[in-house]
Amino acid sequence: MTRRTSLLQSLLVLALLCVGMLFAQERPAENINPNLHPHLAKAQRLCDQAYDALVEAQGANDFDMEGHAAKAKQLLVEASHQMKAAALQPTKRGKSKIGGSADVRPHCAAG
């Protein structure tokens, strides 16, 4: 194997890894029970829609957004996690409306 062939193979592997990481990014979850927390569930669903819009914008701009869209996607995932944490907190009456993980609906776990 020549040095050039080895270099080309290495570059191909690196490119494939980068593409794999791009598609393996975490997405905002939709795991708040809308029957217990309709407003939080709606906000979480809107985070998921905003994430999808960012993915479309990145594709339309050949991912040339200087990292801002990727940062926005990361913040939407974080916001979704914070909404879930809020839903798990006790209500004003001192009781948690959500018990255990029965309300967790798997959705968009990995993009």
PDB file of N, CA and C in Angstrom:
ATOM      1  N   MET A   1       0.844  -1.157   0.000  1.00  0.00           N
ATOM      2  CA  MET A   1       0.000   0.000   0.000  1.00  0.00           C
ATOM      3  C   MET A   1       0.901   1.236   0.000  1.00  0.00           C
ATOM      4  N   THR A   2       0.561   2.163  -0.852  1.00  0.00           N
ATOM      5  CA  THR A   2       1.389   3.362  -0.942  1.00  0.00           C
ATOM      6  C   THR A   2       1.004   4.353   0.150  1.00  0.00           C
ATOM      7  N   ARG A   3       1.863   5.301   0.327  1.00  0.00           N
ATOM      8  CA  ARG A   3       1.627   6.314   1.357  1.00  0.00           C
ATOM      9  C   ARG A   3       0.379   7.142   1.015  1.00  0.00           C
ATOM     10  N   ARG A   4       0.202   7.426  -0.236  1.00  0.00           N
ATOM     11  CA  ARG A   4      -0.950   8.204  -0.671  1.00  0.00           C
ATOM     12  C   ARG A   4      -2.253   7.441  -0.415  1.00  0.00           C
ATOM     13  N   THR A   5      -2.290   6.171  -0.712  1.00  0.00           N
ATOM     14  CA  THR A   5      -3.475   5.357  -0.478  1.00  0.00           C
ATOM     15  C   THR A   5      -3.805   5.307   1.006  1.00  0.00           C
ATOM     16  N   SER A   6      -2.787   5.153   1.826  1.00  0.00           N
ATOM     17  CA  SER A   6      -2.983   5.128   3.268  1.00  0.00           C
ATOM     18  C   SER A   6      -3.558   6.451   3.767  1.00  0.00           C
ATOM     19  N   LEU A   7      -3.070   7.546   3.251  1.00  0.00           N
ATOM     20  CA  LEU A   7      -3.549   8.862   3.632  1.00  0.00           C
ATOM     21  C   LEU A   7      -5.006   9.041   3.216  1.00  0.00           C
ATOM     22  N   LEU A   8      -5.344   8.628   2.015  1.00  0.00           N
ATOM     23  CA  LEU A   8      -6.726   8.736   1.532  1.00  0.00           C
ATOM     24  C   LEU A   8      -7.678   7.896   2.373  1.00  0.00           C
ATOM     25  N   GLN A   9      -7.250   6.710   2.758  1.00  0.00           N
ATOM     26  CA  GLN A   9      -8.089   5.860   3.604  1.00  0.00           C
ATOM     27  C   GLN A   9      -8.308   6.504   4.969  1.00  0.00           C
ATOM     28  N   SER A  10      -7.265   7.088   5.513  1.00  0.00           N
ATOM     29  CA  SER A  10      -7.383   7.758   6.807  1.00  0.00           C
ATOM     30  C   SER A  10      -8.346   8.934   6.734  1.00  0.00           C
ATOM     31  N   LEU A  11      -8.258   9.710   5.659  1.00  0.00           N
ATOM     32  CA  LEU A  11      -9.162  10.838   5.482  1.00  0.00           C
ATOM     33  C   LEU A  11     -10.610  10.380   5.314  1.00  0.00           C
ATOM     34  N   LEU A  12     -10.810   9.294   4.621  1.00  0.00           N
ATOM     35  CA  LEU A  12     -12.151   8.747   4.437  1.00  0.00           C
ATOM     36  C   LEU A  12     -12.738   8.297   5.772  1.00  0.00           C
ATOM     37  N   VAL A  13     -11.955   7.611   6.574  1.00  0.00           N
ATOM     38  CA  VAL A  13     -12.413   7.163   7.893  1.00  0.00           C
ATOM     39  C   VAL A  13     -12.757   8.370   8.762  1.00  0.00           C
ATOM     40  N   LEU A  14     -11.924   9.388   8.747  1.00  0.00           N
ATOM     41  CA  LEU A  14     -12.177  10.597   9.524  1.00  0.00           C
ATOM     42  C   LEU A  14     -13.468  11.278   9.077  1.00  0.00           C
ATOM     43  N   ALA A  15     -13.678  11.362   7.780  1.00  0.00           N
ATOM     44  CA  ALA A  15     -14.899  11.976   7.250  1.00  0.00           C
ATOM     45  C   ALA A  15     -16.135  11.189   7.680  1.00  0.00           C
ATOM     46  N   LEU A  16     -16.053   9.870   7.630  1.00  0.00           N
ATOM     47  CA  LEU A  16     -17.186   9.037   8.046  1.00  0.00           C
ATOM     48  C   LEU A  16     -17.479   9.198   9.533  1.00  0.00           C
ATOM     49  N   LEU A  17     -16.454   9.317  10.345  1.00  0.00           N
ATOM     50  CA  LEU A  17     -16.648   9.537  11.781  1.00  0.00           C
ATOM     51  C   LEU A  17     -17.333  10.876  12.043  1.00  0.00           C
ATOM     52  N   CYS A  18     -16.926  11.899  11.318  1.00  0.00           N
ATOM     53  CA  CYS A  18     -17.545  13.217  11.484  1.00  0.00           C
ATOM     54  C   CYS A  18     -19.022  13.188  11.105  1.00  0.00           C
ATOM     55  N   VAL A  19     -19.339  12.536  10.015  1.00  0.00           N
ATOM     56  CA  VAL A  19     -20.733  12.417   9.591  1.00  0.00           C
ATOM     57  C   VAL A  19     -21.527  11.626  10.627  1.00  0.00           C
ATOM     58  N   GLY A  20     -20.941  10.572  11.156  1.00  0.00           N
ATOM     59  CA  GLY A  20     -21.609   9.777  12.187  1.00  0.00           C
ATOM     60  C   GLY A  20     -21.902  10.585  13.432  1.00  0.00           C
ATOM     61  N   MET A  21     -20.956  11.417  13.860  1.00  0.00           N
ATOM     62  CA  MET A  21     -21.171  12.251  15.038  1.00  0.00           C
ATOM     63  C   MET A  21     -22.257  13.286  14.778  1.00  0.00           C
ATOM     64  N   LEU A  22     -22.327  13.774  13.566  1.00  0.00           N
ATOM     65  CA  LEU A  22     -23.328  14.763  13.212  1.00  0.00           C
ATOM     66  C   LEU A  22     -24.733  14.192  13.380  1.00  0.00           C
ATOM     67  N   PHE A  23     -24.942  12.970  12.930  1.00  0.00           N
ATOM     68  CA  PHE A  23     -26.262  12.361  12.996  1.00  0.00           C
ATOM     69  C   PHE A  23     -26.562  11.715  14.341  1.00  0.00           C
ATOM     70  N   ALA A  24     -25.579  11.570  15.201  1.00  0.00           N
ATOM     71  CA  ALA A  24     -25.777  10.926  16.498  1.00  0.00           C
ATOM     72  C   ALA A  24     -26.051  11.923  17.614  1.00  0.00           C
ATOM     73  N   GLN A  25     -26.226  13.199  17.275  1.00  0.00           N
ATOM     74  CA  GLN A  25     -26.481  14.194  18.303  1.00  0.00           C
ATOM     75  C   GLN A  25     -27.810  13.910  18.988  1.00  0.00           C
ATOM     76  N   GLU A  26     -27.832  14.200  20.272  1.00  0.00           N
ATOM     77  CA  GLU A  26     -29.047  14.006  21.049  1.00  0.00           C
ATOM     78  C   GLU A  26     -30.089  15.030  20.610  1.00  0.00           C
ATOM     79  N   ARG A  27     -31.343  14.618  20.654  1.00  0.00           N
ATOM     80  CA  ARG A  27     -32.453  15.498  20.302  1.00  0.00           C
ATOM     81  C   ARG A  27     -33.232  15.827  21.566  1.00  0.00           C
ATOM     82  N   PRO A  28     -34.020  16.903  21.538  1.00  0.00           N
ATOM     83  CA  PRO A  28     -34.879  17.184  22.687  1.00  0.00           C
ATOM     84  C   PRO A  28     -35.880  16.047  22.878  1.00  0.00           C
ATOM     85  N   ALA A  29     -36.071  15.654  24.102  1.00  0.00           N
ATOM     86  CA  ALA A  29     -37.019  14.578  24.399  1.00  0.00           C
ATOM     87  C   ALA A  29     -38.428  15.137  24.462  1.00  0.00           C
ATOM     88  N   GLU A  30     -39.386  14.274  24.271  1.00  0.00           N
ATOM     89  CA  GLU A  30     -40.791  14.604  24.530  1.00  0.00           C
ATOM     90  C   GLU A  30     -41.283  13.572  25.529  1.00  0.00           C
ATOM     91  N   ASN A  31     -40.970  13.799  26.808  1.00  0.00           N
ATOM     92  CA  ASN A  31     -41.290  12.786  27.797  1.00  0.00           C
ATOM     93  C   ASN A  31     -42.044  13.332  29.001  1.00  0.00           C
ATOM     94  N   ILE A  32     -42.729  14.453  28.822  1.00  0.00           N
ATOM     95  CA  ILE A  32     -43.574  14.996  29.886  1.00  0.00           C
ATOM     96  C   ILE A  32     -45.007  14.577  29.585  1.00  0.00           C
ATOM     97  N   ASN A  33     -45.675  14.043  30.577  1.00  0.00           N
ATOM     98  CA  ASN A  33     -47.051  13.589  30.411  1.00  0.00           C
ATOM     99  C   ASN A  33     -47.962  14.801  30.211  1.00  0.00           C
ATOM    100  N   PRO A  34     -48.569  14.947  29.024  1.00  0.00           N
ATOM    101  CA  PRO A  34     -49.418  16.112  28.765  1.00  0.00           C
ATOM    102  C   PRO A  34     -50.697  16.123  29.607  1.00  0.00           C
ATOM    103  N   ASN A  35     -51.099  14.976  30.124  1.00  0.00           N
ATOM    104  CA  ASN A  35     -52.283  14.937  30.979  1.00  0.00           C
ATOM    105  C   ASN A  35     -52.003  15.545  32.350  1.00  0.00           C
ATOM    106  N   LEU A  36     -50.753  15.491  32.786  1.00  0.00           N
ATOM    107  CA  LEU A  36     -50.387  16.036  34.089  1.00  0.00           C
ATOM    108  C   LEU A  36     -49.834  17.453  34.001  1.00  0.00           C
ATOM    109  N   HIS A  37     -49.087  17.752  32.955  1.00  0.00           N
ATOM    110  CA  HIS A  37     -48.448  19.056  32.776  1.00  0.00           C
ATOM    111  C   HIS A  37     -48.617  19.504  31.324  1.00  0.00           C
ATOM    112  N   PRO A  38     -49.819  19.934  30.939  1.00  0.00           N
ATOM    113  CA  PRO A  38     -50.050  20.272  29.530  1.00  0.00           C
ATOM    114  C   PRO A  38     -49.175  21.407  29.010  1.00  0.00           C
ATOM    115  N   HIS A  39     -48.895  22.398  29.836  1.00  0.00           N
ATOM    116  CA  HIS A  39     -48.100  23.539  29.374  1.00  0.00           C
ATOM    117  C   HIS A  39     -46.635  23.162  29.192  1.00  0.00           C
ATOM    118  N   LEU A  40     -46.096  22.407  30.141  1.00  0.00           N
ATOM    119  CA  LEU A  40     -44.710  21.953  30.007  1.00  0.00           C
ATOM    120  C   LEU A  40     -44.561  20.995  28.829  1.00  0.00           C
ATOM    121  N   ALA A  41     -45.531  20.113  28.643  1.00  0.00           N
ATOM    122  CA  ALA A  41     -45.480  19.167  27.523  1.00  0.00           C
ATOM    123  C   ALA A  41     -45.510  19.922  26.195  1.00  0.00           C
ATOM    124  N   LYS A  42     -46.341  20.970  26.117  1.00  0.00           N
ATOM    125  CA  LYS A  42     -46.411  21.769  24.886  1.00  0.00           C
ATOM    126  C   LYS A  42     -45.078  22.473  24.637  1.00  0.00           C
ATOM    127  N   ALA A  43     -44.499  23.051  25.682  1.00  0.00           N
ATOM    128  CA  ALA A  43     -43.212  23.741  25.533  1.00  0.00           C
ATOM    129  C   ALA A  43     -42.134  22.764  25.077  1.00  0.00           C
ATOM    130  N   GLN A  44     -42.161  21.563  25.623  1.00  0.00           N
ATOM    131  CA  GLN A  44     -41.167  20.560  25.239  1.00  0.00           C
ATOM    132  C   GLN A  44     -41.360  20.143  23.783  1.00  0.00           C
ATOM    133  N   ARG A  45     -42.598  20.005  23.365  1.00  0.00           N
ATOM    134  CA  ARG A  45     -42.899  19.658  21.973  1.00  0.00           C
ATOM    135  C   ARG A  45     -42.414  20.767  21.023  1.00  0.00           C
ATOM    136  N   LEU A  46     -42.582  22.022  21.437  1.00  0.00           N
ATOM    137  CA  LEU A  46     -42.112  23.141  20.624  1.00  0.00           C
ATOM    138  C   LEU A  46     -40.586  23.156  20.529  1.00  0.00           C
ATOM    139  N   CYS A  47     -39.895  22.727  21.582  1.00  0.00           N
ATOM    140  CA  CYS A  47     -38.430  22.596  21.523  1.00  0.00           C
ATOM    141  C   CYS A  47     -38.045  21.593  20.447  1.00  0.00           C
ATOM    142  N   ASP A  48     -38.771  20.499  20.391  1.00  0.00           N
ATOM    143  CA  ASP A  48     -38.492  19.467  19.395  1.00  0.00           C
ATOM    144  C   ASP A  48     -38.711  20.026  17.982  1.00  0.00           C
ATOM    145  N   GLN A  49     -39.777  20.815  17.804  1.00  0.00           N
ATOM    146  CA  GLN A  49     -40.044  21.410  16.496  1.00  0.00           C
ATOM    147  C   GLN A  49     -38.973  22.432  16.119  1.00  0.00           C
ATOM    148  N   ALA A  50     -38.524  23.214  17.088  1.00  0.00           N
ATOM    149  CA  ALA A  50     -37.462  24.186  16.827  1.00  0.00           C
ATOM    150  C   ALA A  50     -36.173  23.476  16.435  1.00  0.00           C
ATOM    151  N   TYR A  51     -35.898  22.357  17.087  1.00  0.00           N
ATOM    152  CA  TYR A  51     -34.711  21.562  16.765  1.00  0.00           C
ATOM    153  C   TYR A  51     -34.777  21.104  15.310  1.00  0.00           C
ATOM    154  N   ASP A  52     -35.948  20.598  14.902  1.00  0.00           N
ATOM    155  CA  ASP A  52     -36.120  20.144  13.512  1.00  0.00           C
ATOM    156  C   ASP A  52     -35.918  21.296  12.525  1.00  0.00           C
ATOM    157  N   ALA A  53     -36.407  22.490  12.875  1.00  0.00           N
ATOM    158  CA  ALA A  53     -36.236  23.647  12.002  1.00  0.00           C
ATOM    159  C   ALA A  53     -34.757  24.018  11.874  1.00  0.00           C
ATOM    160  N   LEU A  54     -34.009  23.891  12.957  1.00  0.00           N
ATOM    161  CA  LEU A  54     -32.572  24.170  12.901  1.00  0.00           C
ATOM    162  C   LEU A  54     -31.848  23.167  12.014  1.00  0.00           C
ATOM    163  N   VAL A  55     -32.247  21.902  12.102  1.00  0.00           N
ATOM    164  CA  VAL A  55     -31.639  20.876  11.250  1.00  0.00           C
ATOM    165  C   VAL A  55     -31.888  21.216   9.784  1.00  0.00           C
ATOM    166  N   GLU A  56     -33.114  21.624   9.457  1.00  0.00           N
ATOM    167  CA  GLU A  56     -33.430  22.010   8.079  1.00  0.00           C
ATOM    168  C   GLU A  56     -32.608  23.222   7.643  1.00  0.00           C
ATOM    169  N   ALA A  57     -32.465  24.204   8.529  1.00  0.00           N
ATOM    170  CA  ALA A  57     -31.690  25.401   8.203  1.00  0.00           C
ATOM    171  C   ALA A  57     -30.228  25.046   7.965  1.00  0.00           C
ATOM    172  N   GLN A  58     -29.698  24.160   8.787  1.00  0.00           N
ATOM    173  CA  GLN A  58     -28.314  23.736   8.588  1.00  0.00           C
ATOM    174  C   GLN A  58     -28.137  23.075   7.228  1.00  0.00           C
ATOM    175  N   GLY A  59     -29.063  22.199   6.875  1.00  0.00           N
ATOM    176  CA  GLY A  59     -28.979  21.516   5.586  1.00  0.00           C
ATOM    177  C   GLY A  59     -29.080  22.484   4.420  1.00  0.00           C
ATOM    178  N   ALA A  60     -29.965  23.481   4.545  1.00  0.00           N
ATOM    179  CA  ALA A  60     -30.142  24.462   3.478  1.00  0.00           C
ATOM    180  C   ALA A  60     -28.916  25.354   3.324  1.00  0.00           C
ATOM    181  N   ASN A  61     -28.153  25.502   4.389  1.00  0.00           N
ATOM    182  CA  ASN A  61     -26.970  26.365   4.348  1.00  0.00           C
ATOM    183  C   ASN A  61     -25.674  25.564   4.358  1.00  0.00           C
ATOM    184  N   ASP A  62     -25.756  24.310   3.984  1.00  0.00           N
ATOM    185  CA  ASP A  62     -24.581  23.440   3.944  1.00  0.00           C
ATOM    186  C   ASP A  62     -23.806  23.468   5.263  1.00  0.00           C
ATOM    187  N   PHE A  63     -24.535  23.548   6.379  1.00  0.00           N
ATOM    188  CA  PHE A  63     -23.963  23.509   7.725  1.00  0.00           C
ATOM    189  C   PHE A  63     -22.986  24.652   7.968  1.00  0.00           C
ATOM    190  N   ASP A  64     -23.082  25.733   7.181  1.00  0.00           N
ATOM    191  CA  ASP A  64     -22.173  26.867   7.320  1.00  0.00           C
ATOM    192  C   ASP A  64     -22.830  27.944   8.171  1.00  0.00           C
ATOM    193  N   MET A  65     -22.885  27.720   9.461  1.00  0.00           N
ATOM    194  CA  MET A  65     -23.481  28.689  10.382  1.00  0.00           C
ATOM    195  C   MET A  65     -22.524  28.988  11.531  1.00  0.00           C
ATOM    196  N   GLU A  66     -21.276  28.688  11.329  1.00  0.00           N
ATOM    197  CA  GLU A  66     -20.204  28.977  12.274  1.00  0.00           C
ATOM    198  C   GLU A  66     -20.476  28.434  13.672  1.00  0.00           C
ATOM    199  N   GLY A  67     -21.164  27.316  13.755  1.00  0.00           N
ATOM    200  CA  GLY A  67     -21.384  26.664  15.042  1.00  0.00           C
ATOM    201  C   GLY A  67     -22.573  27.186  15.828  1.00  0.00           C
ATOM    202  N   HIS A  68     -23.215  28.241  15.359  1.00  0.00           N
ATOM    203  CA  HIS A  68     -24.328  28.824  16.102  1.00  0.00           C
ATOM    204  C   HIS A  68     -25.546  27.910  16.121  1.00  0.00           C
ATOM    205  N   ALA A  69     -25.858  27.270  15.004  1.00  0.00           N
ATOM    206  CA  ALA A  69     -27.008  26.368  14.968  1.00  0.00           C
ATOM    207  C   ALA A  69     -26.754  25.157  15.856  1.00  0.00           C
ATOM    208  N   ALA A  70     -25.540  24.628  15.841  1.00  0.00           N
ATOM    209  CA  ALA A  70     -25.209  23.493  16.705  1.00  0.00           C
ATOM    210  C   ALA A  70     -25.353  23.868  18.176  1.00  0.00           C
ATOM    211  N   LYS A  71     -24.923  25.077  18.539  1.00  0.00           N
ATOM    212  CA  LYS A  71     -25.054  25.550  19.920  1.00  0.00           C
ATOM    213  C   LYS A  71     -26.531  25.706  20.277  1.00  0.00           C
ATOM    214  N   ALA A  72     -27.329  26.243  19.363  1.00  0.00           N
ATOM    215  CA  ALA A  72     -28.764  26.406  19.602  1.00  0.00           C
ATOM    216  C   ALA A  72     -29.432  25.044  19.815  1.00  0.00           C
ATOM    217  N   LYS A  73     -29.039  24.046  19.019  1.00  0.00           N
ATOM    218  CA  LYS A  73     -29.587  22.698  19.178  1.00  0.00           C
ATOM    219  C   LYS A  73     -29.231  22.133  20.552  1.00  0.00           C
ATOM    220  N   GLN A  74     -27.991  22.357  20.972  1.00  0.00           N
ATOM    221  CA  GLN A  74     -27.551  21.886  22.286  1.00  0.00           C
ATOM    222  C   GLN A  74     -28.382  22.552  23.398  1.00  0.00           C
ATOM    223  N   LEU A  75     -28.650  23.840  23.259  1.00  0.00           N
ATOM    224  CA  LEU A  75     -29.435  24.552  24.260  1.00  0.00           C
ATOM    225  C   LEU A  75     -30.886  24.075  24.287  1.00  0.00           C
ATOM    226  N   LEU A  76     -31.437  23.707  23.130  1.00  0.00           N
ATOM    227  CA  LEU A  76     -32.804  23.170  23.095  1.00  0.00           C
ATOM    228  C   LEU A  76     -32.879  21.822  23.828  1.00  0.00           C
ATOM    229  N   VAL A  77     -31.851  21.001  23.668  1.00  0.00           N
ATOM    230  CA  VAL A  77     -31.813  19.724  24.389  1.00  0.00           C
ATOM    231  C   VAL A  77     -31.750  19.993  25.892  1.00  0.00           C
ATOM    232  N   GLU A  78     -30.910  20.948  26.283  1.00  0.00           N
ATOM    233  CA  GLU A  78     -30.793  21.287  27.702  1.00  0.00           C
ATOM    234  C   GLU A  78     -32.119  21.839  28.238  1.00  0.00           C
ATOM    235  N   ALA A  79     -32.778  22.692  27.471  1.00  0.00           N
ATOM    236  CA  ALA A  79     -34.066  23.243  27.883  1.00  0.00           C
ATOM    237  C   ALA A  79     -35.094  22.132  28.075  1.00  0.00           C
ATOM    238  N   SER A  80     -35.094  21.153  27.192  1.00  0.00           N
ATOM    239  CA  SER A  80     -36.015  20.025  27.305  1.00  0.00           C
ATOM    240  C   SER A  80     -35.772  19.252  28.599  1.00  0.00           C
ATOM    241  N   HIS A  81     -34.503  19.047  28.941  1.00  0.00           N
ATOM    242  CA  HIS A  81     -34.175  18.354  30.195  1.00  0.00           C
ATOM    243  C   HIS A  81     -34.631  19.177  31.403  1.00  0.00           C
ATOM    244  N   GLN A  82     -34.492  20.482  31.330  1.00  0.00           N
ATOM    245  CA  GLN A  82     -34.917  21.340  32.440  1.00  0.00           C
ATOM    246  C   GLN A  82     -36.434  21.321  32.598  1.00  0.00           C
ATOM    247  N   MET A  83     -37.151  21.253  31.493  1.00  0.00           N
ATOM    248  CA  MET A  83     -38.610  21.162  31.569  1.00  0.00           C
ATOM    249  C   MET A  83     -39.037  19.864  32.239  1.00  0.00           C
ATOM    250  N   LYS A  84     -38.360  18.783  31.912  1.00  0.00           N
ATOM    251  CA  LYS A  84     -38.657  17.500  32.551  1.00  0.00           C
ATOM    252  C   LYS A  84     -38.385  17.594  34.043  1.00  0.00           C
ATOM    253  N   ALA A  85     -37.277  18.231  34.416  1.00  0.00           N
ATOM    254  CA  ALA A  85     -36.954  18.394  35.838  1.00  0.00           C
ATOM    255  C   ALA A  85     -38.040  19.218  36.534  1.00  0.00           C
ATOM    256  N   ALA A  86     -38.540  20.242  35.861  1.00  0.00           N
ATOM    257  CA  ALA A  86     -39.614  21.051  36.437  1.00  0.00           C
ATOM    258  C   ALA A  86     -40.877  20.213  36.637  1.00  0.00           C
ATOM    259  N   ALA A  87     -41.170  19.354  35.682  1.00  0.00           N
ATOM    260  CA  ALA A  87     -42.367  18.511  35.777  1.00  0.00           C
ATOM    261  C   ALA A  87     -42.262  17.521  36.929  1.00  0.00           C
ATOM    262  N   LEU A  88     -41.057  17.157  37.298  1.00  0.00           N
ATOM    263  CA  LEU A  88     -40.867  16.198  38.384  1.00  0.00           C
ATOM    264  C   LEU A  88     -40.917  16.843  39.770  1.00  0.00           C
ATOM    265  N   GLN A  89     -40.898  18.171  39.828  1.00  0.00           N
ATOM    266  CA  GLN A  89     -40.929  18.865  41.110  1.00  0.00           C
ATOM    267  C   GLN A  89     -42.327  18.800  41.711  1.00  0.00           C
ATOM    268  N   PRO A  90     -42.407  18.836  43.045  1.00  0.00           N
ATOM    269  CA  PRO A  90     -43.722  18.836  43.697  1.00  0.00           C
ATOM    270  C   PRO A  90     -44.534  20.065  43.298  1.00  0.00           C
ATOM    271  N   THR A  91     -45.847  19.922  43.314  1.00  0.00           N
ATOM    272  CA  THR A  91     -46.738  21.036  43.004  1.00  0.00           C
ATOM    273  C   THR A  91     -46.872  21.931  44.228  1.00  0.00           C
ATOM    274  N   LYS A  92     -47.645  23.008  44.109  1.00  0.00           N
ATOM    275  CA  LYS A  92     -47.844  23.927  45.232  1.00  0.00           C
ATOM    276  C   LYS A  92     -48.447  23.224  46.442  1.00  0.00           C
ATOM    277  N   ARG A  93     -49.210  22.185  46.213  1.00  0.00           N
ATOM    278  CA  ARG A  93     -49.832  21.435  47.307  1.00  0.00           C
ATOM    279  C   ARG A  93     -48.861  20.494  47.997  1.00  0.00           C
ATOM    280  N   GLY A  94     -47.622  20.460  47.513  1.00  0.00           N
ATOM    281  CA  GLY A  94     -46.615  19.628  48.153  1.00  0.00           C
ATOM    282  C   GLY A  94     -46.570  18.199  47.658  1.00  0.00           C
ATOM    283  N   LYS A  95     -47.353  17.889  46.644  1.00  0.00           N
ATOM    284  CA  LYS A  95     -47.365  16.530  46.086  1.00  0.00           C
ATOM    285  C   LYS A  95     -46.801  16.575  44.676  1.00  0.00           C
ATOM    286  N   SER A  96     -46.038  15.570  44.365  1.00  0.00           N
ATOM    287  CA  SER A  96     -45.548  15.467  42.995  1.00  0.00           C
ATOM    288  C   SER A  96     -46.639  14.851  42.142  1.00  0.00           C
ATOM    289  N   LYS A  97     -46.925  15.473  41.017  1.00  0.00           N
ATOM    290  CA  LYS A  97     -47.941  14.926  40.119  1.00  0.00           C
ATOM    291  C   LYS A  97     -47.426  13.722  39.349  1.00  0.00           C
ATOM    292  N   ILE A  98     -46.124  13.613  39.274  1.00  0.00           N
ATOM    293  CA  ILE A  98     -45.537  12.555  38.465  1.00  0.00           C
ATOM    294  C   ILE A  98     -44.848  11.567  39.377  1.00  0.00           C
ATOM    295  N   GLY A  99     -45.158  10.319  39.203  1.00  0.00           N
ATOM    296  CA  GLY A  99     -44.510   9.298  40.011  1.00  0.00           C
ATOM    297  C   GLY A  99     -43.683   8.369  39.157  1.00  0.00           C
ATOM    298  N   GLY A 100     -42.435   8.168  39.512  1.00  0.00           N
ATOM    299  CA  GLY A 100     -41.581   7.206  38.818  1.00  0.00           C
ATOM    300  C   GLY A 100     -41.364   7.570  37.365  1.00  0.00           C
ATOM    301  N   SER A 101     -41.174   6.524  36.560  1.00  0.00           N
ATOM    302  CA  SER A 101     -40.883   6.748  35.151  1.00  0.00           C
ATOM    303  C   SER A 101     -42.034   6.319  34.253  1.00  0.00           C
ATOM    304  N   ALA A 102     -43.221   6.104  34.840  1.00  0.00           N
ATOM    305  CA  ALA A 102     -44.353   5.636  34.040  1.00  0.00           C
ATOM    306  C   ALA A 102     -44.783   6.681  33.021  1.00  0.00           C
ATOM    307  N   ASP A 103     -44.477   7.960  33.262  1.00  0.00           N
ATOM    308  CA  ASP A 103     -44.902   9.003  32.355  1.00  0.00           C
ATOM    309  C   ASP A 103     -43.899   9.237  31.236  1.00  0.00           C
ATOM    310  N   VAL A 104     -42.800   8.564  31.250  1.00  0.00           N
ATOM    311  CA  VAL A 104     -41.744   8.792  30.264  1.00  0.00           C
ATOM    312  C   VAL A 104     -42.082   8.050  28.978  1.00  0.00           C
ATOM    313  N   ARG A 105     -42.239   8.817  27.909  1.00  0.00           N
ATOM    314  CA  ARG A 105     -42.513   8.235  26.606  1.00  0.00           C
ATOM    315  C   ARG A 105     -41.264   8.387  25.760  1.00  0.00           C
ATOM    316  N   PRO A 106     -40.669   7.284  25.306  1.00  0.00           N
ATOM    317  CA  PRO A 106     -39.465   7.431  24.481  1.00  0.00           C
ATOM    318  C   PRO A 106     -39.816   8.117  23.172  1.00  0.00           C
ATOM    319  N   HIS A 107     -39.043   9.144  22.850  1.00  0.00           N
ATOM    320  CA  HIS A 107     -39.239   9.868  21.600  1.00  0.00           C
ATOM    321  C   HIS A 107     -37.962  10.616  21.303  1.00  0.00           C
ATOM    322  N   CYS A 108     -37.513  10.549  20.123  1.00  0.00           N
ATOM    323  CA  CYS A 108     -36.355  11.330  19.688  1.00  0.00           C
ATOM    324  C   CYS A 108     -35.151  11.116  20.580  1.00  0.00           C
ATOM    325  N   ALA A 109     -34.971   9.924  21.099  1.00  0.00           N
ATOM    326  CA  ALA A 109     -33.854   9.677  22.012  1.00  0.00           C
ATOM    327  C   ALA A 109     -32.531   9.907  21.325  1.00  0.00           C
ATOM    328  N   ALA A 110     -32.416   9.532  20.098  1.00  0.00           N
ATOM    329  CA  ALA A 110     -31.174   9.776  19.351  1.00  0.00           C
ATOM    330  C   ALA A 110     -31.576  10.181  17.941  1.00  0.00           C
ATOM    331  N   GLY A 111     -30.879  11.177  17.435  1.00  0.00           N
ATOM    332  CA  GLY A 111     -31.244  11.699  16.121  1.00  0.00           C
ATOM    333  C   GLY A 111     -30.591  10.948  15.073  1.00  0.00           C
TER     334      GLY A 111
END
